[in-house]
Structures are given as C-alpha cells and as structure tokens.
N, C-alpha and C. Protein backbone atom coordinates (compact mmCIF):
# COMPACT_ATOMS: atom_id res chain seq x y z
N UNK A 1 0.83 -1.18 0.00
CA UNK A 1 0.00 0.00 0.00
C UNK A 1 0.87 1.24 0.00
N UNK A 2 0.45 2.18 -0.74
CA UNK A 2 1.22 3.43 -0.78
C UNK A 2 0.60 4.43 0.18
N UNK A 3 1.45 5.26 0.73
CA UNK A 3 0.98 6.30 1.66
C UNK A 3 0.37 7.43 0.85
N UNK A 4 -0.72 7.93 1.33
CA UNK A 4 -1.39 9.04 0.64
C UNK A 4 -0.94 10.35 1.25
N UNK A 5 -0.87 11.35 0.42
CA UNK A 5 -0.53 12.69 0.89
C UNK A 5 -1.70 13.23 1.70
N UNK A 6 -1.39 13.98 2.76
CA UNK A 6 -2.50 14.57 3.52
C UNK A 6 -3.27 15.57 2.66
N UNK A 7 -4.55 15.61 2.85
CA UNK A 7 -5.39 16.54 2.10
C UNK A 7 -5.22 17.93 2.68
N UNK A 8 -4.93 18.87 1.83
CA UNK A 8 -4.74 20.24 2.28
C UNK A 8 -6.00 21.03 1.95
N UNK A 9 -6.41 21.88 2.86
CA UNK A 9 -7.61 22.69 2.56
C UNK A 9 -7.33 23.64 1.40
N UNK A 10 -8.34 23.83 0.59
CA UNK A 10 -8.24 24.74 -0.56
C UNK A 10 -8.14 26.18 -0.08
N UNK A 11 -7.17 26.89 -0.58
CA UNK A 11 -7.05 28.32 -0.28
C UNK A 11 -7.09 29.07 -1.59
N UNK A 12 -7.99 30.02 -1.67
CA UNK A 12 -8.10 30.82 -2.88
C UNK A 12 -7.00 31.87 -2.90
N UNK A 13 -6.33 31.97 -4.01
CA UNK A 13 -5.29 32.98 -4.19
C UNK A 13 -5.86 34.04 -5.12
N UNK A 14 -5.91 35.26 -4.64
CA UNK A 14 -6.45 36.35 -5.45
C UNK A 14 -5.30 37.10 -6.09
N UNK A 15 -5.31 37.12 -7.40
CA UNK A 15 -4.31 37.85 -8.16
C UNK A 15 -4.89 39.24 -8.42
N UNK A 16 -4.18 40.29 -8.04
CA UNK A 16 -4.74 41.64 -8.20
C UNK A 16 -4.82 42.08 -9.67
N UNK A 17 -5.89 41.66 -10.34
CA UNK A 17 -6.06 41.95 -11.77
C UNK A 17 -6.59 43.34 -12.04
N UNK A 18 -7.07 44.04 -11.01
CA UNK A 18 -7.68 45.35 -11.23
C UNK A 18 -6.86 46.50 -10.65
N UNK A 19 -5.60 46.25 -10.37
CA UNK A 19 -4.74 47.30 -9.86
C UNK A 19 -4.73 48.49 -10.82
N UNK A 20 -4.81 49.68 -10.26
CA UNK A 20 -4.80 50.94 -11.03
C UNK A 20 -6.05 51.13 -11.89
N UNK A 21 -7.12 50.41 -11.59
CA UNK A 21 -8.38 50.59 -12.30
C UNK A 21 -9.39 51.23 -11.36
N UNK A 22 -10.16 52.18 -11.89
CA UNK A 22 -11.24 52.80 -11.13
C UNK A 22 -12.53 52.08 -11.50
N UNK A 23 -13.12 51.41 -10.53
CA UNK A 23 -14.33 50.63 -10.74
C UNK A 23 -15.47 51.24 -9.95
N UNK A 24 -16.60 51.42 -10.60
CA UNK A 24 -17.80 51.96 -9.96
C UNK A 24 -18.84 50.86 -9.94
N UNK A 25 -19.42 50.63 -8.75
CA UNK A 25 -20.46 49.62 -8.59
C UNK A 25 -21.70 50.31 -8.06
N UNK A 26 -22.79 50.28 -8.83
CA UNK A 26 -24.04 50.87 -8.36
C UNK A 26 -24.80 49.82 -7.55
N UNK A 27 -25.66 50.31 -6.65
CA UNK A 27 -26.42 49.39 -5.80
C UNK A 27 -25.51 48.56 -4.92
N UNK A 28 -24.46 49.20 -4.38
CA UNK A 28 -23.42 48.47 -3.67
C UNK A 28 -23.59 48.42 -2.15
N UNK A 29 -24.65 48.96 -1.63
CA UNK A 29 -24.81 48.99 -0.17
C UNK A 29 -25.06 47.60 0.41
N UNK A 30 -25.59 46.70 -0.39
CA UNK A 30 -25.90 45.36 0.13
C UNK A 30 -25.95 44.37 -1.02
N UNK A 31 -26.06 43.12 -0.67
CA UNK A 31 -26.30 42.06 -1.64
C UNK A 31 -25.18 41.86 -2.66
N UNK A 32 -25.61 41.63 -3.90
CA UNK A 32 -24.66 41.33 -4.98
C UNK A 32 -23.72 42.51 -5.22
N UNK A 33 -24.25 43.74 -5.20
CA UNK A 33 -23.40 44.91 -5.41
C UNK A 33 -22.30 45.01 -4.37
N UNK A 34 -22.64 44.75 -3.13
CA UNK A 34 -21.65 44.78 -2.05
C UNK A 34 -20.58 43.72 -2.29
N UNK A 35 -20.99 42.53 -2.68
CA UNK A 35 -20.04 41.44 -2.93
C UNK A 35 -19.12 41.78 -4.11
N UNK A 36 -19.68 42.37 -5.15
CA UNK A 36 -18.86 42.76 -6.31
C UNK A 36 -17.83 43.82 -5.89
N UNK A 37 -18.28 44.83 -5.17
CA UNK A 37 -17.37 45.90 -4.73
C UNK A 37 -16.25 45.33 -3.87
N UNK A 38 -16.59 44.45 -2.96
CA UNK A 38 -15.58 43.84 -2.08
C UNK A 38 -14.58 43.03 -2.91
N UNK A 39 -15.06 42.25 -3.84
CA UNK A 39 -14.16 41.43 -4.65
C UNK A 39 -13.25 42.30 -5.52
N UNK A 40 -13.81 43.35 -6.12
CA UNK A 40 -12.99 44.26 -6.91
C UNK A 40 -11.91 44.89 -6.04
N UNK A 41 -12.26 45.26 -4.82
CA UNK A 41 -11.29 45.85 -3.89
C UNK A 41 -10.19 44.83 -3.59
N UNK A 42 -10.60 43.58 -3.35
CA UNK A 42 -9.62 42.51 -3.09
C UNK A 42 -8.69 42.30 -4.29
N UNK A 43 -9.19 42.59 -5.48
CA UNK A 43 -8.40 42.42 -6.70
C UNK A 43 -7.58 43.66 -7.03
N UNK A 44 -7.52 44.62 -6.11
CA UNK A 44 -6.64 45.76 -6.27
C UNK A 44 -7.25 47.02 -6.85
N UNK A 45 -8.55 47.01 -7.11
CA UNK A 45 -9.19 48.17 -7.73
C UNK A 45 -9.40 49.31 -6.73
N UNK A 46 -9.44 50.52 -7.26
CA UNK A 46 -9.93 51.67 -6.53
C UNK A 46 -11.43 51.66 -6.79
N UNK A 47 -12.22 51.31 -5.77
CA UNK A 47 -13.66 51.10 -5.95
C UNK A 47 -14.44 52.27 -5.37
N UNK A 48 -15.38 52.76 -6.18
CA UNK A 48 -16.36 53.72 -5.67
C UNK A 48 -17.69 52.97 -5.64
N UNK A 49 -18.15 52.69 -4.44
CA UNK A 49 -19.44 52.03 -4.25
C UNK A 49 -20.51 53.12 -4.22
N UNK A 50 -21.61 52.89 -4.94
CA UNK A 50 -22.68 53.88 -4.96
C UNK A 50 -24.00 53.23 -4.58
N UNK A 51 -24.87 54.04 -4.01
CA UNK A 51 -26.21 53.61 -3.64
C UNK A 51 -26.97 54.85 -3.21
N UNK A 52 -28.27 54.73 -3.08
CA UNK A 52 -29.04 55.86 -2.57
C UNK A 52 -29.29 55.75 -1.07
N UNK A 53 -28.96 54.59 -0.48
CA UNK A 53 -29.12 54.37 0.96
C UNK A 53 -27.81 54.76 1.65
N UNK A 54 -27.75 56.00 2.10
CA UNK A 54 -26.49 56.54 2.64
C UNK A 54 -25.99 55.79 3.86
N UNK A 55 -26.87 55.46 4.80
CA UNK A 55 -26.43 54.78 6.02
C UNK A 55 -25.83 53.41 5.71
N UNK A 56 -26.50 52.64 4.89
CA UNK A 56 -25.99 51.31 4.53
C UNK A 56 -24.71 51.42 3.72
N UNK A 57 -24.64 52.42 2.88
CA UNK A 57 -23.45 52.62 2.04
C UNK A 57 -22.24 53.01 2.89
N UNK A 58 -22.44 53.89 3.85
CA UNK A 58 -21.33 54.26 4.75
C UNK A 58 -20.80 53.06 5.52
N UNK A 59 -21.72 52.24 6.03
CA UNK A 59 -21.31 51.04 6.77
C UNK A 59 -20.53 50.09 5.87
N UNK A 60 -20.99 49.92 4.65
CA UNK A 60 -20.31 49.06 3.70
C UNK A 60 -18.90 49.59 3.40
N UNK A 61 -18.79 50.89 3.21
CA UNK A 61 -17.50 51.50 2.90
C UNK A 61 -16.52 51.34 4.07
N UNK A 62 -17.01 51.52 5.29
CA UNK A 62 -16.14 51.32 6.46
C UNK A 62 -15.63 49.88 6.52
N UNK A 63 -16.50 48.95 6.23
CA UNK A 63 -16.15 47.53 6.32
C UNK A 63 -15.19 47.10 5.21
N UNK A 64 -15.35 47.64 4.02
CA UNK A 64 -14.59 47.15 2.86
C UNK A 64 -13.40 48.02 2.47
N UNK A 65 -13.39 49.27 2.91
CA UNK A 65 -12.33 50.18 2.49
C UNK A 65 -12.59 50.83 1.15
N UNK A 66 -13.78 50.66 0.61
CA UNK A 66 -14.13 51.29 -0.67
C UNK A 66 -14.46 52.76 -0.43
N UNK A 67 -14.24 53.57 -1.45
CA UNK A 67 -14.79 54.93 -1.43
C UNK A 67 -16.27 54.80 -1.72
N UNK A 68 -17.03 55.85 -1.46
CA UNK A 68 -18.46 55.76 -1.76
C UNK A 68 -19.01 57.10 -2.20
N UNK A 69 -20.13 57.03 -2.90
CA UNK A 69 -20.84 58.23 -3.34
C UNK A 69 -22.33 57.91 -3.36
N UNK A 70 -23.11 58.85 -2.85
CA UNK A 70 -24.56 58.71 -2.91
C UNK A 70 -24.98 58.94 -4.35
N UNK A 71 -25.71 57.98 -4.91
CA UNK A 71 -26.10 58.08 -6.32
C UNK A 71 -27.45 57.38 -6.51
N UNK A 72 -28.43 58.14 -6.94
CA UNK A 72 -29.71 57.58 -7.35
C UNK A 72 -29.60 57.38 -8.86
N UNK A 73 -29.48 56.14 -9.29
CA UNK A 73 -29.20 55.86 -10.71
C UNK A 73 -30.31 56.30 -11.65
N UNK A 74 -31.51 56.53 -11.11
CA UNK A 74 -32.62 56.98 -11.96
C UNK A 74 -32.61 58.49 -12.16
N UNK A 75 -31.68 59.19 -11.50
CA UNK A 75 -31.62 60.65 -11.57
C UNK A 75 -30.50 61.11 -12.51
N UNK A 76 -30.89 61.77 -13.57
CA UNK A 76 -29.91 62.28 -14.53
C UNK A 76 -28.96 63.27 -13.87
N UNK A 77 -29.48 64.13 -12.99
CA UNK A 77 -28.61 65.12 -12.33
C UNK A 77 -27.59 64.45 -11.42
N UNK A 78 -27.94 63.34 -10.79
CA UNK A 78 -26.97 62.61 -9.96
C UNK A 78 -25.84 62.07 -10.85
N UNK A 79 -26.18 61.50 -12.01
CA UNK A 79 -25.17 60.97 -12.91
C UNK A 79 -24.26 62.08 -13.44
N UNK A 80 -24.84 63.22 -13.79
CA UNK A 80 -24.03 64.33 -14.29
C UNK A 80 -23.03 64.77 -13.22
N UNK A 81 -23.51 64.95 -12.00
CA UNK A 81 -22.62 65.34 -10.89
C UNK A 81 -21.53 64.29 -10.69
N UNK A 82 -21.90 63.01 -10.72
CA UNK A 82 -20.94 61.95 -10.51
C UNK A 82 -19.90 61.90 -11.63
N UNK A 83 -20.37 62.00 -12.87
CA UNK A 83 -19.45 61.93 -14.02
C UNK A 83 -18.48 63.11 -14.04
N UNK A 84 -18.94 64.27 -13.59
CA UNK A 84 -18.04 65.43 -13.52
C UNK A 84 -16.97 65.21 -12.45
N UNK A 85 -17.33 64.56 -11.35
CA UNK A 85 -16.38 64.30 -10.27
C UNK A 85 -15.42 63.17 -10.62
N UNK A 86 -15.87 62.21 -11.42
CA UNK A 86 -15.07 61.03 -11.77
C UNK A 86 -15.12 60.79 -13.28
N UNK A 87 -14.42 61.59 -14.06
CA UNK A 87 -14.54 61.48 -15.52
C UNK A 87 -13.81 60.29 -16.15
N UNK A 88 -12.94 59.61 -15.42
CA UNK A 88 -12.13 58.53 -16.00
C UNK A 88 -12.45 57.18 -15.35
N UNK A 89 -13.61 56.64 -15.58
CA UNK A 89 -14.01 55.35 -15.01
C UNK A 89 -13.55 54.23 -15.95
N UNK A 90 -12.90 53.22 -15.37
CA UNK A 90 -12.46 52.08 -16.17
C UNK A 90 -13.52 50.99 -16.26
N UNK A 91 -14.24 50.76 -15.16
CA UNK A 91 -15.24 49.69 -15.11
C UNK A 91 -16.48 50.22 -14.42
N UNK A 92 -17.65 49.99 -15.02
CA UNK A 92 -18.93 50.31 -14.40
C UNK A 92 -19.74 49.04 -14.29
N UNK A 93 -20.14 48.69 -13.07
CA UNK A 93 -21.07 47.59 -12.85
C UNK A 93 -22.41 48.23 -12.50
N UNK A 94 -23.32 48.18 -13.45
CA UNK A 94 -24.63 48.81 -13.27
C UNK A 94 -25.56 47.80 -12.59
N UNK A 95 -25.36 47.63 -11.29
CA UNK A 95 -26.03 46.61 -10.51
C UNK A 95 -27.34 47.09 -9.88
N UNK A 96 -27.50 48.39 -9.70
CA UNK A 96 -28.67 48.91 -8.97
C UNK A 96 -29.97 48.51 -9.66
N UNK A 97 -30.95 48.25 -8.85
CA UNK A 97 -32.26 47.90 -9.37
C UNK A 97 -33.25 47.82 -8.23
N UNK A 98 -34.49 47.63 -8.57
CA UNK A 98 -35.55 47.53 -7.57
C UNK A 98 -36.18 46.15 -7.72
N UNK A 99 -36.01 45.34 -6.67
CA UNK A 99 -36.62 44.01 -6.70
C UNK A 99 -37.34 43.70 -5.40
N UNK A 100 -37.45 44.67 -4.54
CA UNK A 100 -38.08 44.44 -3.24
C UNK A 100 -37.06 44.58 -2.13
N UNK A 101 -37.51 45.04 -0.98
CA UNK A 101 -36.60 45.23 0.13
C UNK A 101 -37.36 45.17 1.44
N UNK A 102 -36.83 44.39 2.38
CA UNK A 102 -37.44 44.32 3.70
C UNK A 102 -37.12 45.58 4.51
N UNK A 103 -35.99 46.23 4.19
CA UNK A 103 -35.58 47.39 4.97
C UNK A 103 -36.13 48.70 4.44
N UNK A 104 -36.60 48.71 3.21
CA UNK A 104 -37.15 49.94 2.61
C UNK A 104 -38.51 49.63 2.01
N UNK A 105 -39.60 49.95 2.73
CA UNK A 105 -40.93 49.60 2.25
C UNK A 105 -41.32 50.28 0.93
N UNK A 106 -40.60 51.34 0.54
CA UNK A 106 -40.92 52.00 -0.72
C UNK A 106 -40.48 51.15 -1.92
N UNK A 107 -39.63 50.17 -1.67
CA UNK A 107 -39.17 49.28 -2.73
C UNK A 107 -39.95 47.97 -2.63
N UNK A 108 -40.97 47.85 -3.40
CA UNK A 108 -41.79 46.65 -3.35
C UNK A 108 -41.49 45.76 -4.53
N UNK A 109 -41.68 44.48 -4.34
CA UNK A 109 -41.46 43.55 -5.43
C UNK A 109 -42.47 43.81 -6.52
N UNK A 110 -42.01 44.04 -7.76
CA UNK A 110 -42.95 44.30 -8.84
C UNK A 110 -43.94 43.15 -9.00
N UNK A 111 -45.23 43.48 -9.08
CA UNK A 111 -46.24 42.44 -9.18
C UNK A 111 -47.25 42.72 -10.28
N UNK A 112 -47.16 43.87 -10.91
CA UNK A 112 -48.07 44.21 -12.00
C UNK A 112 -47.22 44.60 -13.22
N UNK A 113 -47.82 44.59 -14.41
CA UNK A 113 -47.04 45.02 -15.59
C UNK A 113 -46.46 46.42 -15.43
N UNK A 114 -47.23 47.32 -14.82
CA UNK A 114 -46.73 48.69 -14.63
C UNK A 114 -45.54 48.72 -13.68
N UNK A 115 -45.60 47.94 -12.59
CA UNK A 115 -44.48 47.96 -11.65
C UNK A 115 -43.24 47.29 -12.25
N UNK A 116 -43.43 46.25 -13.08
CA UNK A 116 -42.28 45.65 -13.75
C UNK A 116 -41.67 46.64 -14.74
N UNK A 117 -42.50 47.39 -15.42
CA UNK A 117 -42.00 48.41 -16.34
C UNK A 117 -41.18 49.44 -15.58
N UNK A 118 -41.65 49.83 -14.40
CA UNK A 118 -40.91 50.78 -13.57
C UNK A 118 -39.57 50.23 -13.13
N UNK A 119 -39.56 48.96 -12.72
CA UNK A 119 -38.31 48.33 -12.27
C UNK A 119 -37.32 48.23 -13.43
N UNK A 120 -37.79 47.84 -14.61
CA UNK A 120 -36.90 47.74 -15.77
C UNK A 120 -36.39 49.11 -16.21
N UNK A 121 -37.24 50.13 -16.05
CA UNK A 121 -36.82 51.46 -16.49
C UNK A 121 -35.66 51.99 -15.66
N UNK A 122 -35.57 51.57 -14.41
CA UNK A 122 -34.43 52.01 -13.58
C UNK A 122 -33.13 51.57 -14.22
N UNK A 123 -33.07 50.32 -14.66
CA UNK A 123 -31.86 49.82 -15.29
C UNK A 123 -31.58 50.54 -16.61
N UNK A 124 -32.59 50.66 -17.45
CA UNK A 124 -32.34 51.30 -18.75
C UNK A 124 -32.09 52.80 -18.60
N UNK A 125 -32.82 53.46 -17.69
CA UNK A 125 -32.58 54.89 -17.48
C UNK A 125 -31.20 55.14 -16.91
N UNK A 126 -30.77 54.31 -15.98
CA UNK A 126 -29.45 54.55 -15.39
C UNK A 126 -28.36 54.41 -16.44
N UNK A 127 -28.50 53.44 -17.33
CA UNK A 127 -27.51 53.29 -18.40
C UNK A 127 -27.52 54.51 -19.32
N UNK A 128 -28.70 54.95 -19.71
CA UNK A 128 -28.82 56.13 -20.57
C UNK A 128 -28.25 57.37 -19.90
N UNK A 129 -28.60 57.58 -18.62
CA UNK A 129 -28.10 58.75 -17.90
C UNK A 129 -26.58 58.71 -17.76
N UNK A 130 -26.02 57.52 -17.47
CA UNK A 130 -24.57 57.40 -17.34
C UNK A 130 -23.90 57.75 -18.66
N UNK A 131 -24.37 57.17 -19.75
CA UNK A 131 -23.75 57.42 -21.05
C UNK A 131 -23.84 58.90 -21.44
N UNK A 132 -24.99 59.52 -21.20
CA UNK A 132 -25.13 60.95 -21.50
C UNK A 132 -24.17 61.78 -20.65
N UNK A 133 -24.10 61.47 -19.35
CA UNK A 133 -23.24 62.24 -18.45
C UNK A 133 -21.77 62.03 -18.79
N UNK A 134 -21.39 60.79 -19.09
CA UNK A 134 -19.99 60.50 -19.42
C UNK A 134 -19.58 61.21 -20.71
N UNK A 135 -20.48 61.27 -21.66
CA UNK A 135 -20.19 61.95 -22.92
C UNK A 135 -20.00 63.44 -22.71
N UNK A 136 -20.81 64.02 -21.84
CA UNK A 136 -20.72 65.46 -21.57
C UNK A 136 -19.46 65.81 -20.79
N UNK A 137 -19.02 64.94 -19.89
CA UNK A 137 -17.91 65.30 -19.02
C UNK A 137 -16.59 64.65 -19.43
N UNK A 138 -16.64 63.74 -20.38
CA UNK A 138 -15.44 62.98 -20.76
C UNK A 138 -14.39 63.83 -21.44
N UNK A 139 -13.23 63.19 -21.69
CA UNK A 139 -12.09 63.90 -22.31
C UNK A 139 -12.36 64.31 -23.73
C-alpha cells in the first residue's frame, strides 16, 4: 500500500487583476453589489461604491475600504454630478435595481405590468443617464 498525501484545505489565491483601475459599482450597499465591490477591492481596484441608501453605504465603505458616493441611478442630475467628479471610469457595474426590500418599504417587489416596467426602467434609465453624463464630461 502506498501512503497518501495529507489533504490540504483549498485556499483561494487572489491575483490583483484590477490594480490601477477605477471601478464603480451601483447598488453596492448590500447584496450582490456589495459582494462585487468587495471582490474588486480585493483584486486591487480603486472602488467607488454607490447607492441611494447613505447609512448602509457608509457602513459598507467602512467595512470594505471602498470609497463611496450617494447616487440615485434613476436621476440624470446625480449621474451628471458623478461623471463630472469622476470622468475617468475604467469599469462600471450597473447593478442597482428595484426588486423588493425588507428594509425599505418604498421598494416593493414588482407584481403588475406597470411595476415591472418601472423596475426595468431604472436599469435602462441609469444606463442612458450614465452614457449621457460621461459623454458630456469625458475627455
């Protein structure tokens, strides 16, 4: 019988692939956005986490070391202000959306065609507003 090597626990090695990159993650105060922002930070990125929930966003930033900015992605004026402050973004993760929230009763799970249209419009409007703002403030 041959001796078996001891099993070693798996350790993930993170290679800093995003060093010197400015990454913006919308909807980063919690959930998937928070996880993306944390992972990008672990990969060496300069991360600006954005959300409209200031208290949750501040707590997330303290925990992860990310910079943060209050940003309502459905507001064109918020995007213009943000794009003027940060004109050289390398990566944008447009994660923000409305799918329901236990902590914010104003965010209800879409249940009618009109509410689904509203939820989808947040994603499409935020993309449109970002592109317009970036074009106006870019190099």
